[in-house]
C-alpha atoms as a PDB file:
ATOM      1  CA  MET A   1      14.453 -12.420  10.322  1.00  0.00           C
ATOM      2  CA  TYR A   2      12.180 -14.540   8.164  1.00  0.00           C
ATOM      3  CA  LEU A   3       8.611 -13.640   7.294  1.00  0.00           C
ATOM      4  CA  ASN A   4       6.877 -15.922   9.765  1.00  0.00           C
ATOM      5  CA  ASN A   5       9.155 -14.651  12.532  1.00  0.00           C
ATOM      6  CA  LYS A   6       8.132 -11.100  11.677  1.00  0.00           C
ATOM      7  CA  PHE A   7       4.464 -11.985  12.182  1.00  0.00           C
ATOM      8  CA  THR A   8       5.306 -13.862  15.408  1.00  0.00           C
ATOM      9  CA  MET A   9       7.180 -10.832  16.703  1.00  0.00           C
ATOM     10  CA  MET A  10       4.164  -8.680  15.893  1.00  0.00           C
ATOM     11  CA  ALA A  11       1.969 -10.994  17.943  1.00  0.00           C
ATOM     12  CA  LYS A  12       4.293 -10.704  20.934  1.00  0.00           C
ATOM     13  CA  ARG A  13       4.097  -6.917  20.689  1.00  0.00           C
ATOM     14  CA  GLY A  14       0.363  -6.947  21.263  1.00  0.00           C
ATOM     15  CA  ILE A  15      -1.865  -7.992  18.428  1.00  0.00           C
ATOM     16  CA  SER A  16      -5.399  -7.426  19.628  1.00  0.00           C
ATOM     17  CA  SER A  17      -7.439  -9.351  17.079  1.00  0.00           C
ATOM     18  CA  ILE A  18      -7.257 -11.679  14.129  1.00  0.00           C
ATOM     19  CA  VAL A  19     -10.222 -11.382  11.796  1.00  0.00           C
ATOM     20  CA  HIS A  20     -10.801 -14.196   9.310  1.00  0.00           C
ATOM     21  CA  ASN A  21     -13.082 -14.733   6.368  1.00  0.00           C
ATOM     22  CA  SER A  22     -12.858 -17.225   3.519  1.00  0.00           C
ATOM     23  CA  ILE A  23     -10.025 -15.383   1.777  1.00  0.00           C
ATOM     24  CA  ASN A  24      -8.518 -12.620   3.876  1.00  0.00           C
ATOM     25  CA  CYS A  25      -6.679 -12.518   7.143  1.00  0.00           C
ATOM     26  CA  TYR A  26      -5.971  -9.183   8.798  1.00  0.00           C
ATOM     27  CA  ILE A  27      -3.464  -8.841  11.581  1.00  0.00           C
ATOM     28  CA  LYS A  28      -3.709  -5.655  13.609  1.00  0.00           C
ATOM     29  CA  SER A  29      -1.549  -4.252  16.347  1.00  0.00           C
ATOM     30  CA  ILE A  30      -2.960  -2.296  19.287  1.00  0.00           C
ATOM     31  CA  SER A  31       0.007   0.052  19.194  1.00  0.00           C
ATOM     32  CA  GLY A  32      -0.322   0.648  15.451  1.00  0.00           C
ATOM     33  CA  ILE A  33       3.427   0.161  15.097  1.00  0.00           C
ATOM     34  CA  ARG A  34       3.002  -2.827  12.795  1.00  0.00           C
ATOM     35  CA  THR A  35      -0.044  -3.450  10.636  1.00  0.00           C
ATOM     36  CA  SER A  36       0.234  -6.104   7.935  1.00  0.00           C
ATOM     37  CA  GLN A  37      -2.439  -7.500   5.672  1.00  0.00           C
ATOM     38  CA  PHE A  38      -2.047 -10.726   3.799  1.00  0.00           C
ATOM     39  CA  LYS A  39      -4.251 -12.922   1.658  1.00  0.00           C
ATOM     40  CA  SER A  40      -3.782 -16.676   1.368  1.00  0.00           C
ATOM     41  CA  LEU A  41      -4.041 -17.925  -2.204  1.00  0.00           C
ATOM     42  CA  HIS A  42      -2.729 -20.876  -4.162  1.00  0.00           C
ATOM     43  CA  THR A  43      -0.746 -21.123  -7.391  1.00  0.00           C
ATOM     44  CA  GLY A  44      -0.945 -24.781  -8.319  1.00  0.00           C
ATOM     45  CA  ASN A  45       0.422 -26.648  -5.314  1.00  0.00           C
ATOM     46  CA  VAL A  46       2.510 -23.704  -4.133  1.00  0.00           C
ATOM     47  CA  PRO A  47       0.961 -21.646  -1.311  1.00  0.00           C
ATOM     48  CA  THR A  48       1.114 -17.876  -1.740  1.00  0.00           C
ATOM     49  CA  LYS A  49       0.461 -14.894   0.505  1.00  0.00           C
ATOM     50  CA  GLU A  50      -0.098 -11.216  -0.108  1.00  0.00           C
ATOM     51  CA  ILE A  51       1.882  -9.039   2.310  1.00  0.00           C
ATOM     52  CA  ASN A  52       1.877  -5.283   2.847  1.00  0.00           C
ATOM     53  CA  ILE A  53       5.029  -3.634   4.188  1.00  0.00           C
ATOM     54  CA  PRO A  54       4.381  -0.230   5.796  1.00  0.00           C
ATOM     55  CA  VAL A  55       6.530   2.635   4.514  1.00  0.00           C
ATOM     56  CA  GLN A  56       6.470   6.380   5.175  1.00  0.00           C
ATOM     57  CA  TRP A  57       4.360   7.140   2.088  1.00  0.00           C
ATOM     58  CA  GLY A  58       1.968   4.164   2.462  1.00  0.00           C
ATOM     59  CA  HIS A  59       2.795   0.532   1.809  1.00  0.00           C
ATOM     60  CA  ILE A  60       4.727  -1.805  -0.469  1.00  0.00           C
ATOM     61  CA  SER A  61       2.670  -4.770  -1.657  1.00  0.00           C
ATOM     62  CA  CYS A  62       4.372  -8.145  -1.970  1.00  0.00           C
ATOM     63  CA  LYS A  63       3.495 -11.659  -3.042  1.00  0.00           C
ATOM     64  CA  LEU A  64       5.159 -14.599  -1.303  1.00  0.00           C
ATOM     65  CA  TRP A  65       5.504 -18.059  -2.803  1.00  0.00           C
ATOM     66  CA  GLY A  66       6.647 -20.934  -0.621  1.00  0.00           C
ATOM     67  CA  ASN A  67       7.953 -21.435   2.893  1.00  0.00           C
ATOM     68  CA  GLU A  68       7.409 -18.397   5.125  1.00  0.00           C
ATOM     69  CA  HIS A  69       9.835 -19.833   7.703  1.00  0.00           C
ATOM     70  CA  GLN A  70      12.794 -19.352   5.336  1.00  0.00           C
ATOM     71  CA  ARG A  71      14.323 -16.069   4.188  1.00  0.00           C
ATOM     72  CA  PRO A  72      13.023 -15.656   0.626  1.00  0.00           C
ATOM     73  CA  MET A  73      14.554 -14.512  -2.613  1.00  0.00           C
ATOM     74  CA  LEU A  74      13.518 -10.876  -3.170  1.00  0.00           C
ATOM     75  CA  ALA A  75      12.121 -10.547  -6.707  1.00  0.00           C
ATOM     76  CA  LEU A  76      12.117  -7.135  -8.407  1.00  0.00           C
ATOM     77  CA  HIS A  77      10.074  -6.413 -11.536  1.00  0.00           C
ATOM     78  CA  GLY A  78      10.701  -4.179 -14.529  1.00  0.00           C
ATOM     79  CA  TRP A  79       9.516  -0.700 -15.517  1.00  0.00           C
ATOM     80  CA  GLN A  80       5.703  -0.382 -15.481  1.00  0.00           C
ATOM     81  CA  ASP A  81       5.308  -4.105 -14.664  1.00  0.00           C
ATOM     82  CA  ASN A  82       4.527  -5.531 -11.217  1.00  0.00           C
ATOM     83  CA  ALA A  83       5.009  -8.591  -9.012  1.00  0.00           C
ATOM     84  CA  GLY A  84       2.761 -10.587 -11.355  1.00  0.00           C
ATOM     85  CA  THR A  85       5.692 -10.779 -13.761  1.00  0.00           C
ATOM     86  CA  TRP A  86       6.993 -13.669 -11.620  1.00  0.00           C
ATOM     87  CA  ASP A  87       3.727 -15.661 -11.531  1.00  0.00           C
ATOM     88  CA  PRO A  88       4.802 -18.243 -14.154  1.00  0.00           C
ATOM     89  CA  LEU A  89       8.407 -18.683 -12.924  1.00  0.00           C
ATOM     90  CA  ALA A  90       8.022 -18.561  -9.138  1.00  0.00           C
ATOM     91  CA  PRO A  91       6.115 -21.866  -8.712  1.00  0.00           C
ATOM     92  CA  MET A  92       8.938 -23.659 -10.555  1.00  0.00           C
ATOM     93  CA  ILE A  93      11.456 -22.543  -7.926  1.00  0.00           C
ATOM     94  CA  SER A  94       9.649 -21.700  -4.696  1.00  0.00           C
ATOM     95  CA  ASP A  95       9.210 -25.282  -3.495  1.00  0.00           C
ATOM     96  CA  LYS A  96      12.998 -25.251  -3.130  1.00  0.00           C
ATOM     97  CA  PHE A  97      13.610 -21.568  -2.350  1.00  0.00           C
ATOM     98  CA  PRO A  98      10.755 -19.166  -1.415  1.00  0.00           C
ATOM     99  CA  ILE A  99      10.238 -16.004  -3.448  1.00  0.00           C
ATOM    100  CA  LEU A 100       8.960 -12.644  -2.217  1.00  0.00           C
ATOM    101  CA  ALA A 101       8.043 -10.440  -5.192  1.00  0.00           C
ATOM    102  CA  ILE A 102       7.358  -6.777  -4.546  1.00  0.00           C
ATOM    103  CA  ASP A 103       5.431  -4.108  -6.388  1.00  0.00           C
ATOM    104  CA  PHE A 104       7.738  -1.101  -6.584  1.00  0.00           C
ATOM    105  CA  MET A 105       6.178   2.154  -5.391  1.00  0.00           C
ATOM    106  CA  GLY A 106       3.772   3.445  -8.008  1.00  0.00           C
ATOM    107  CA  HIS A 107       3.345  -0.038  -9.501  1.00  0.00           C
ATOM    108  CA  GLY A 108       0.857  -2.836  -8.935  1.00  0.00           C
ATOM    109  CA  LEU A 109      -0.862  -2.631  -5.556  1.00  0.00           C
ATOM    110  CA  SER A 110       1.801  -0.487  -3.857  1.00  0.00           C
ATOM    111  CA  SER A 111       1.292   3.117  -2.776  1.00  0.00           C
ATOM    112  CA  TRP A 112       2.343   6.011  -4.981  1.00  0.00           C
ATOM    113  CA  ILE A 113       4.777   8.611  -3.727  1.00  0.00           C
ATOM    114  CA  PRO A 114       3.118  11.906  -2.664  1.00  0.00           C
ATOM    115  CA  PRO A 115       1.925  14.441  -5.265  1.00  0.00           C
ATOM    116  CA  GLY A 116       4.530  16.961  -6.345  1.00  0.00           C
ATOM    117  CA  LEU A 117       7.413  14.488  -6.148  1.00  0.00           C
ATOM    118  CA  GLN A 118       9.071  12.465  -8.895  1.00  0.00           C
ATOM    119  CA  TYR A 119      10.734   9.066  -9.025  1.00  0.00           C
ATOM    120  CA  TYR A 120      14.504   8.693  -8.874  1.00  0.00           C
ATOM    121  CA  ILE A 121      16.446   5.617  -9.991  1.00  0.00           C
ATOM    122  CA  TRP A 122      18.347   5.289  -6.699  1.00  0.00           C
ATOM    123  CA  ASP A 123      15.047   5.096  -4.783  1.00  0.00           C
ATOM    124  CA  LEU A 124      14.802   1.454  -5.846  1.00  0.00           C
ATOM    125  CA  PRO A 125      18.080   0.191  -4.321  1.00  0.00           C
ATOM    126  CA  ARG A 126      17.196   2.164  -1.193  1.00  0.00           C
ATOM    127  CA  LEU A 127      13.864   0.322  -1.042  1.00  0.00           C
ATOM    128  CA  ILE A 128      15.773  -2.974  -0.880  1.00  0.00           C
ATOM    129  CA  LEU A 129      17.519  -1.638   2.211  1.00  0.00           C
ATOM    130  CA  THR A 130      14.147  -0.618   3.666  1.00  0.00           C
ATOM    131  CA  ILE A 131      12.772  -4.141   3.171  1.00  0.00           C
ATOM    132  CA  MET A 132      15.865  -5.734   4.696  1.00  0.00           C
ATOM    133  CA  ASN A 133      15.556  -3.517   7.746  1.00  0.00           C
ATOM    134  CA  TYR A 134      11.835  -4.234   8.074  1.00  0.00           C
ATOM    135  CA  PHE A 135      12.311  -8.005   8.136  1.00  0.00           C
ATOM    136  CA  LYS A 136      15.651  -7.726   9.972  1.00  0.00           C
ATOM    137  CA  TRP A 137      17.483  -9.760   7.346  1.00  0.00           C
ATOM    138  CA  ASP A 138      21.260  -9.862   7.687  1.00  0.00           C
ATOM    139  CA  LYS A 139      21.593 -10.660   3.969  1.00  0.00           C
ATOM    140  CA  VAL A 140      19.377 -10.514   0.905  1.00  0.00           C
ATOM    141  CA  SER A 141      19.012 -12.825  -2.109  1.00  0.00           C
ATOM    142  CA  LEU A 142      18.103 -10.919  -5.272  1.00  0.00           C
ATOM    143  CA  LEU A 143      16.190 -11.804  -8.433  1.00  0.00           C
ATOM    144  CA  GLY A 144      15.521  -8.976 -10.862  1.00  0.00           C
ATOM    145  CA  HIS A 145      14.234  -8.200 -14.332  1.00  0.00           C
ATOM    146  CA  SER A 146      15.081  -5.070 -16.334  1.00  0.00           C
ATOM    147  CA  MET A 147      14.670  -2.023 -14.047  1.00  0.00           C
ATOM    148  CA  GLY A 148      14.461  -4.361 -11.068  1.00  0.00           C
ATOM    149  CA  SER A 149      17.620  -6.163 -12.115  1.00  0.00           C
ATOM    150  CA  ILE A 150      19.462  -2.864 -12.473  1.00  0.00           C
ATOM    151  CA  ALA A 151      18.295  -1.867  -8.987  1.00  0.00           C
ATOM    152  CA  ALA A 152      19.552  -5.216  -7.691  1.00  0.00           C
ATOM    153  CA  MET A 153      22.920  -4.728  -9.407  1.00  0.00           C
ATOM    154  CA  ARG A 154      23.276  -1.281  -7.853  1.00  0.00           C
ATOM    155  CA  PHE A 155      22.432  -2.625  -4.417  1.00  0.00           C
ATOM    156  CA  ALA A 156      24.704  -5.670  -4.729  1.00  0.00           C
ATOM    157  CA  SER A 157      27.569  -3.443  -5.886  1.00  0.00           C
ATOM    158  CA  THR A 158      26.983  -0.818  -3.196  1.00  0.00           C
ATOM    159  CA  PHE A 159      26.599  -3.395  -0.409  1.00  0.00           C
ATOM    160  CA  PRO A 160      28.651  -6.369  -1.663  1.00  0.00           C
ATOM    161  CA  ASP A 161      28.773  -8.030   1.764  1.00  0.00           C
ATOM    162  CA  ASP A 162      24.992  -7.940   2.209  1.00  0.00           C
ATOM    163  CA  VAL A 163      23.988  -9.983  -0.868  1.00  0.00           C
ATOM    164  CA  ASP A 164      24.459 -13.751  -0.981  1.00  0.00           C
ATOM    165  CA  PHE A 165      23.435 -14.145  -4.637  1.00  0.00           C
ATOM    166  CA  TYR A 166      21.988 -12.166  -7.533  1.00  0.00           C
ATOM    167  CA  ILE A 167      19.978 -13.472 -10.501  1.00  0.00           C
ATOM    168  CA  ALA A 168      19.498 -11.003 -13.367  1.00  0.00           C
ATOM    169  CA  VAL A 169      17.097 -11.219 -16.306  1.00  0.00           C
ATOM    170  CA  ASP A 170      18.083  -9.278 -19.445  1.00  0.00           C
ATOM    171  CA  SER A 171      19.677  -6.252 -17.751  1.00  0.00           C
ATOM    172  CA  LEU A 172      22.637  -5.423 -15.547  1.00  0.00           C
ATOM    173  CA  ILE A 173      22.963  -1.683 -16.147  1.00  0.00           C
ATOM    174  CA  TYR A 174      21.064   0.964 -18.088  1.00  0.00           C
ATOM    175  CA  ASP A 175      21.815   0.916 -21.805  1.00  0.00           C
ATOM    176  CA  ASP A 176      24.035   3.596 -23.304  1.00  0.00           C
ATOM    177  CA  TYR A 177      22.495   7.012 -23.957  1.00  0.00           C
ATOM    178  CA  ASP A 178      22.852   9.542 -26.731  1.00  0.00           C
ATOM    179  CA  LEU A 179      23.626  12.578 -24.565  1.00  0.00           C
ATOM    180  CA  ASN A 180      22.389  15.005 -27.217  1.00  0.00           C
ATOM    181  CA  GLN A 181      19.049  13.212 -27.300  1.00  0.00           C
ATOM    182  CA  VAL A 182      18.858  13.174 -23.488  1.00  0.00           C
ATOM    183  CA  VAL A 183      19.368  16.936 -23.336  1.00  0.00           C
ATOM    184  CA  GLU A 184      16.920  17.567 -26.175  1.00  0.00           C
ATOM    185  CA  ASN A 185      14.266  15.455 -24.419  1.00  0.00           C
ATOM    186  CA  PHE A 186      14.538  17.229 -21.057  1.00  0.00           C
ATOM    187  CA  PRO A 187      12.163  20.131 -21.926  1.00  0.00           C
ATOM    188  CA  ARG A 188       9.465  17.748 -23.177  1.00  0.00           C
ATOM    189  CA  ILE A 189       9.818  15.403 -20.197  1.00  0.00           C
ATOM    190  CA  LEU A 190       9.705  18.229 -17.664  1.00  0.00           C
ATOM    191  CA  ARG A 191       6.593  19.715 -19.280  1.00  0.00           C
ATOM    192  CA  LYS A 192       4.850  16.339 -19.393  1.00  0.00           C
ATOM    193  CA  LEU A 193       5.813  15.635 -15.790  1.00  0.00           C
ATOM    194  CA  HIS A 194       4.333  18.978 -14.761  1.00  0.00           C
ATOM    195  CA  GLN A 195       1.098  18.185 -16.625  1.00  0.00           C
ATOM    196  CA  VAL A 196       0.845  14.720 -15.105  1.00  0.00           C
ATOM    197  CA  GLN A 197       1.336  16.114 -11.596  1.00  0.00           C
ATOM    198  CA  MET A 198      -1.825  18.169 -12.116  1.00  0.00           C
ATOM    199  CA  LEU A 199      -3.839  15.069 -13.112  1.00  0.00           C
ATOM    200  CA  LEU A 200      -2.897  12.593 -10.383  1.00  0.00           C
ATOM    201  CA  ASP A 201      -6.389  12.677  -8.862  1.00  0.00           C
ATOM    202  CA  LYS A 202      -8.066  12.045 -12.233  1.00  0.00           C
ATOM    203  CA  GLU A 203      -8.978   8.564 -13.451  1.00  0.00           C
ATOM    204  CA  PRO A 204      -6.971   7.592 -16.574  1.00  0.00           C
ATOM    205  CA  PRO A 205      -8.632   6.524 -19.849  1.00  0.00           C
ATOM    206  CA  ALA A 206     -10.541   3.237 -19.613  1.00  0.00           C
ATOM    207  CA  TYR A 207     -10.513   0.275 -22.007  1.00  0.00           C
ATOM    208  CA  THR A 208     -12.070  -3.143 -22.466  1.00  0.00           C
ATOM    209  CA  MET A 209      -9.933  -6.079 -21.327  1.00  0.00           C
ATOM    210  CA  ASP A 210      -9.251  -6.985 -24.952  1.00  0.00           C
ATOM    211  CA  GLU A 211      -7.942  -3.463 -25.485  1.00  0.00           C
ATOM    212  CA  ILE A 212      -5.879  -3.699 -22.279  1.00  0.00           C
ATOM    213  CA  ASN A 213      -4.297  -6.925 -23.548  1.00  0.00           C
ATOM    214  CA  GLN A 214      -3.448  -5.368 -26.894  1.00  0.00           C
ATOM    215  CA  LYS A 215      -2.084  -2.149 -25.401  1.00  0.00           C
ATOM    216  CA  TRP A 216       0.141  -4.003 -22.935  1.00  0.00           C
ATOM    217  CA  HIS A 217       1.364  -6.350 -25.664  1.00  0.00           C
ATOM    218  CA  LEU A 218       2.084  -3.577 -28.172  1.00  0.00           C
ATOM    219  CA  GLY A 219       3.320  -1.140 -25.522  1.00  0.00           C
ATOM    220  CA  THR A 220       6.187  -3.527 -24.777  1.00  0.00           C
ATOM    221  CA  ASN A 221       6.954  -3.907 -28.498  1.00  0.00           C
ATOM    222  CA  LYS A 222       5.352  -7.361 -28.265  1.00  0.00           C
ATOM    223  CA  SER A 223       7.851  -8.409 -25.596  1.00  0.00           C
ATOM    224  CA  VAL A 224       4.963  -9.494 -23.343  1.00  0.00           C
ATOM    225  CA  ASP A 225       2.930 -12.176 -25.108  1.00  0.00           C
ATOM    226  CA  ILE A 226      -0.820 -11.597 -25.298  1.00  0.00           C
ATOM    227  CA  GLU A 227      -1.297 -14.741 -23.195  1.00  0.00           C
ATOM    228  CA  SER A 228       1.035 -13.357 -20.502  1.00  0.00           C
ATOM    229  CA  VAL A 229      -0.687  -9.998 -20.038  1.00  0.00           C
ATOM    230  CA  LYS A 230      -3.166 -11.561 -17.600  1.00  0.00           C
ATOM    231  CA  TYR A 231      -0.421 -12.034 -14.999  1.00  0.00           C
ATOM    232  CA  LEU A 232       0.420  -8.337 -15.047  1.00  0.00           C
ATOM    233  CA  ALA A 233      -3.190  -7.183 -15.360  1.00  0.00           C
ATOM    234  CA  GLN A 234      -4.200  -8.876 -12.094  1.00  0.00           C
ATOM    235  CA  ARG A 235      -2.232  -6.236 -10.201  1.00  0.00           C
ATOM    236  CA  GLY A 236      -1.926  -3.577 -12.873  1.00  0.00           C
ATOM    237  CA  VAL A 237      -5.472  -2.597 -13.837  1.00  0.00           C
ATOM    238  CA  LYS A 238      -8.538  -1.412 -11.942  1.00  0.00           C
ATOM    239  CA  PRO A 239     -12.221  -1.228 -12.932  1.00  0.00           C
ATOM    240  CA  SER A 240     -13.383   2.122 -14.232  1.00  0.00           C
ATOM    241  CA  SER A 241     -15.726   4.094 -11.987  1.00  0.00           C
ATOM    242  CA  SER A 242     -17.593   5.405 -15.032  1.00  0.00           C
ATOM    243  CA  ASP A 243     -18.030   2.167 -17.002  1.00  0.00           C
ATOM    244  CA  PRO A 244     -18.301  -1.246 -15.260  1.00  0.00           C
ATOM    245  CA  ASN A 245     -17.189  -2.996 -18.455  1.00  0.00           C
ATOM    246  CA  LYS A 246     -13.917  -1.101 -18.758  1.00  0.00           C
ATOM    247  CA  PHE A 247     -10.617  -0.884 -16.901  1.00  0.00           C
ATOM    248  CA  TYR A 248      -7.678   1.477 -16.596  1.00  0.00           C
ATOM    249  CA  PHE A 249      -3.937   1.086 -16.009  1.00  0.00           C
ATOM    250  CA  SER A 250      -3.375   1.746 -12.310  1.00  0.00           C
ATOM    251  CA  ARG A 251       0.383   2.405 -12.339  1.00  0.00           C
ATOM    252  CA  ASP A 252       1.676   5.893 -11.593  1.00  0.00           C
ATOM    253  CA  SER A 253       2.024   7.740 -14.909  1.00  0.00           C
ATOM    254  CA  ARG A 254       4.906   9.798 -13.487  1.00  0.00           C
ATOM    255  CA  TYR A 255       7.126   6.807 -14.246  1.00  0.00           C
ATOM    256  CA  LYS A 256       6.745   7.541 -17.951  1.00  0.00           C
ATOM    257  CA  TYR A 257       8.582  10.818 -17.430  1.00  0.00           C
ATOM    258  CA  THR A 258      11.411   9.816 -15.133  1.00  0.00           C
ATOM    259  CA  LEU A 259      14.490  11.978 -15.581  1.00  0.00           C
ATOM    260  CA  PHE A 260      17.375   9.567 -16.079  1.00  0.00           C
ATOM    261  CA  ASN A 261      20.592  11.365 -15.239  1.00  0.00           C
ATOM    262  CA  PRO A 262      23.333   9.774 -17.359  1.00  0.00           C
ATOM    263  CA  GLU A 263      26.205   8.458 -15.286  1.00  0.00           C
ATOM    264  CA  SER A 264      29.763   8.393 -16.541  1.00  0.00           C
ATOM    265  CA  LYS A 265      31.312   5.189 -17.783  1.00  0.00           C
ATOM    266  CA  LYS A 266      34.002   5.537 -15.126  1.00  0.00           C
ATOM    267  CA  PHE A 267      31.382   5.722 -12.360  1.00  0.00           C
ATOM    268  CA  VAL A 268      29.450   2.686 -13.619  1.00  0.00           C
ATOM    269  CA  GLU A 269      32.607   0.644 -14.118  1.00  0.00           C
ATOM    270  CA  THR A 270      33.918   1.537 -10.659  1.00  0.00           C
ATOM    271  CA  LEU A 271      30.578   0.574  -9.111  1.00  0.00           C
ATOM    272  CA  ILE A 272      30.026  -2.770 -10.831  1.00  0.00           C
ATOM    273  CA  LYS A 273      33.592  -3.921 -10.150  1.00  0.00           C
ATOM    274  CA  ARG A 274      32.489  -4.199  -6.517  1.00  0.00           C
ATOM    275  CA  LEU A 275      30.012  -6.996  -7.303  1.00  0.00           C
ATOM    276  CA  LYS A 276      31.349 -10.196  -5.778  1.00  0.00           C
ATOM    277  CA  CYS A 277      28.409 -12.476  -4.948  1.00  0.00           C
ATOM    278  CA  PRO A 278      27.518 -15.473  -7.140  1.00  0.00           C
ATOM    279  CA  THR A 279      25.677 -13.961 -10.105  1.00  0.00           C
ATOM    280  CA  LEU A 280      23.501 -15.653 -12.727  1.00  0.00           C
ATOM    281  CA  TYR A 281      22.662 -13.537 -15.781  1.00  0.00           C
ATOM    282  CA  PHE A 282      20.136 -14.378 -18.502  1.00  0.00           C
ATOM    283  CA  LYS A 283      20.182 -12.536 -21.830  1.00  0.00           C
ATOM    284  CA  GLY A 284      17.112 -12.867 -24.036  1.00  0.00           C
ATOM    285  CA  ILE A 285      18.345 -13.545 -27.558  1.00  0.00           C
ATOM    286  CA  ASP A 286      15.411 -11.711 -29.127  1.00  0.00           C
ATOM    287  CA  SER A 287      15.635  -8.719 -26.784  1.00  0.00           C
ATOM    288  CA  PRO A 288      17.138  -5.444 -28.030  1.00  0.00           C
ATOM    289  CA  TYR A 289      18.227  -4.476 -24.519  1.00  0.00           C
ATOM    290  CA  ALA A 290      21.738  -4.870 -23.104  1.00  0.00           C
ATOM    291  CA  SER A 291      23.006  -5.493 -26.634  1.00  0.00           C
ATOM    292  CA  ASP A 292      24.717  -2.169 -27.351  1.00  0.00           C
ATOM    293  CA  PRO A 293      28.546  -2.103 -27.269  1.00  0.00           C
ATOM    294  CA  TYR A 294      28.616  -0.215 -23.950  1.00  0.00           C
ATOM    295  CA  SER A 295      26.360  -2.751 -22.202  1.00  0.00           C
ATOM    296  CA  VAL A 296      28.373  -5.655 -23.597  1.00  0.00           C
ATOM    297  CA  GLU A 297      31.619  -4.031 -22.439  1.00  0.00           C
ATOM    298  CA  MET A 298      30.234  -3.504 -18.924  1.00  0.00           C
ATOM    299  CA  ARG A 299      29.024  -7.109 -18.799  1.00  0.00           C
ATOM    300  CA  GLU A 300      32.559  -8.192 -19.654  1.00  0.00           C
ATOM    301  CA  VAL A 301      33.865  -5.979 -16.836  1.00  0.00           C
ATOM    302  CA  VAL A 302      31.597  -7.829 -14.405  1.00  0.00           C
ATOM    303  CA  GLU A 303      32.648 -11.199 -15.797  1.00  0.00           C
ATOM    304  CA  LYS A 304      36.342 -10.314 -15.533  1.00  0.00           C
ATOM    305  CA  ASN A 305      36.103  -9.066 -11.953  1.00  0.00           C
ATOM    306  CA  ASN A 306      33.674 -11.619 -10.532  1.00  0.00           C
ATOM    307  CA  PRO A 307      34.811 -15.256 -10.815  1.00  0.00           C
ATOM    308  CA  ASN A 308      31.321 -16.329  -9.704  1.00  0.00           C
ATOM    309  CA  PHE A 309      29.585 -14.696 -12.694  1.00  0.00           C
ATOM    310  CA  GLU A 310      27.613 -16.994 -14.993  1.00  0.00           C
ATOM    311  CA  CYS A 311      25.850 -15.957 -18.220  1.00  0.00           C
ATOM    312  CA  HIS A 312      23.266 -17.784 -20.346  1.00  0.00           C
ATOM    313  CA  PHE A 313      21.818 -16.639 -23.674  1.00  0.00           C
ATOM    314  CA  VAL A 314      18.281 -18.002 -23.925  1.00  0.00           C
ATOM    315  CA  PRO A 315      15.728 -17.819 -26.763  1.00  0.00           C
ATOM    316  CA  GLY A 316      13.082 -15.263 -25.908  1.00  0.00           C
ATOM    317  CA  THR A 317      12.140 -11.620 -25.589  1.00  0.00           C
ATOM    318  CA  HIS A 318      12.942  -9.082 -22.884  1.00  0.00           C
ATOM    319  CA  HIS A 319      10.176 -10.784 -20.853  1.00  0.00           C
ATOM    320  CA  VAL A 320      11.480 -14.328 -21.370  1.00  0.00           C
ATOM    321  CA  HIS A 321      10.975 -15.092 -17.663  1.00  0.00           C
ATOM    322  CA  LEU A 322       7.264 -14.285 -18.053  1.00  0.00           C
ATOM    323  CA  ASN A 323       6.600 -15.896 -21.445  1.00  0.00           C
ATOM    324  CA  ASN A 324       8.968 -18.871 -21.218  1.00  0.00           C
ATOM    325  CA  PRO A 325       9.872 -19.516 -17.561  1.00  0.00           C
ATOM    326  CA  GLU A 326      10.778 -23.137 -18.305  1.00  0.00           C
ATOM    327  CA  ARG A 327      13.868 -21.848 -20.136  1.00  0.00           C
ATOM    328  CA  LEU A 328      15.220 -20.215 -16.978  1.00  0.00           C
ATOM    329  CA  ALA A 329      14.089 -22.439 -14.114  1.00  0.00           C
ATOM    330  CA  PRO A 330      16.527 -25.361 -14.677  1.00  0.00           C
ATOM    331  CA  HIS A 331      19.489 -22.965 -14.797  1.00  0.00           C
ATOM    332  CA  ILE A 332      18.320 -21.259 -11.598  1.00  0.00           C
ATOM    333  CA  ILE A 333      17.931 -24.571  -9.750  1.00  0.00           C
ATOM    334  CA  LYS A 334      21.379 -25.680 -10.934  1.00  0.00           C
ATOM    335  CA  PHE A 335      22.882 -22.325  -9.867  1.00  0.00           C
ATOM    336  CA  LEU A 336      21.322 -22.476  -6.394  1.00  0.00           C
ATOM    337  CA  THR A 337      22.490 -26.067  -5.988  1.00  0.00           C
ATOM    338  CA  LYS A 338      26.018 -25.270  -7.166  1.00  0.00           C
ATOM    339  CA  TYR A 339      26.478 -22.651  -4.451  1.00  0.00           C
ATOM    340  CA  GLN A 340      24.654 -24.781  -1.853  1.00  0.00           C
ATOM    341  CA  PHE A 341      21.714 -22.423  -1.387  1.00  0.00           C
ATOM    342  CA  ILE A 342      19.515 -25.486  -1.893  1.00  0.00           C
ATOM    343  CA  LYS A 343      20.241 -29.194  -1.591  1.00  0.00           C
END
């Protein structure tokens, strides 16, 4: 079911009021079964909407570019980023194929998981299933970067018949791990996670916007250009309650201390061999990720087992889609045309 149909269905179930002002539109249901909030904005000539999807722990915030009457491409961001990562690229594609970018839980404008819990890497593929069920989609089209791309790969490999195509930016799987280092880091990570759990109700340190820009730029090893930070900051920072001239990072700090459980090569290889949908993979030439021998070998496994796999090496960092979207957009349009997803 497409997005507009979801809202129409809500209306048939008994929407009691529609309240408008110059920016916001709130749709409320008498029964309380479905409550969505969306904001109409514009990115150039491409209409956008903000959508909230209710989940058990709160809501997942999304940004839609393009035609709400068509099932969109589901766009998944990277670790500690948010849906704003697609702001430069989406308008180049969404006039031909709409894009629905989500904020993963604990990122952007989405709800955090409850206190006392921690994030798990398989929560992200499961969230894709949650979104499909919410909109009653029979299939899903996936676009992912880094952590989001890995989540998309896991979903597309677990449910190969439910994905019509998959576009990956700079990651397919998690890079190889030094198991000794993983084990040695566990005590530190567990202690930090325990400390962070005790501080969830405290406001993080605040900075000026210039400091925010520098910290985001340097925190990604300069992968995010200074000029690109603004796209992430729109959803990723909040004004400080103690200083009106400062801001703080609003993402859930528990993500910094996620316990990644290494998976065996045999498991990963068995999983990714199941991928069969048309797949377009971009590798940033200047990115250190997905360049280790293990990642290269697994990419070759995918290429060998999926005749519809296509790979492009493009100049740019790990965030090439954010800094240089014009280097990806023509390939994406050609890919979608080749497999007749657009005309």
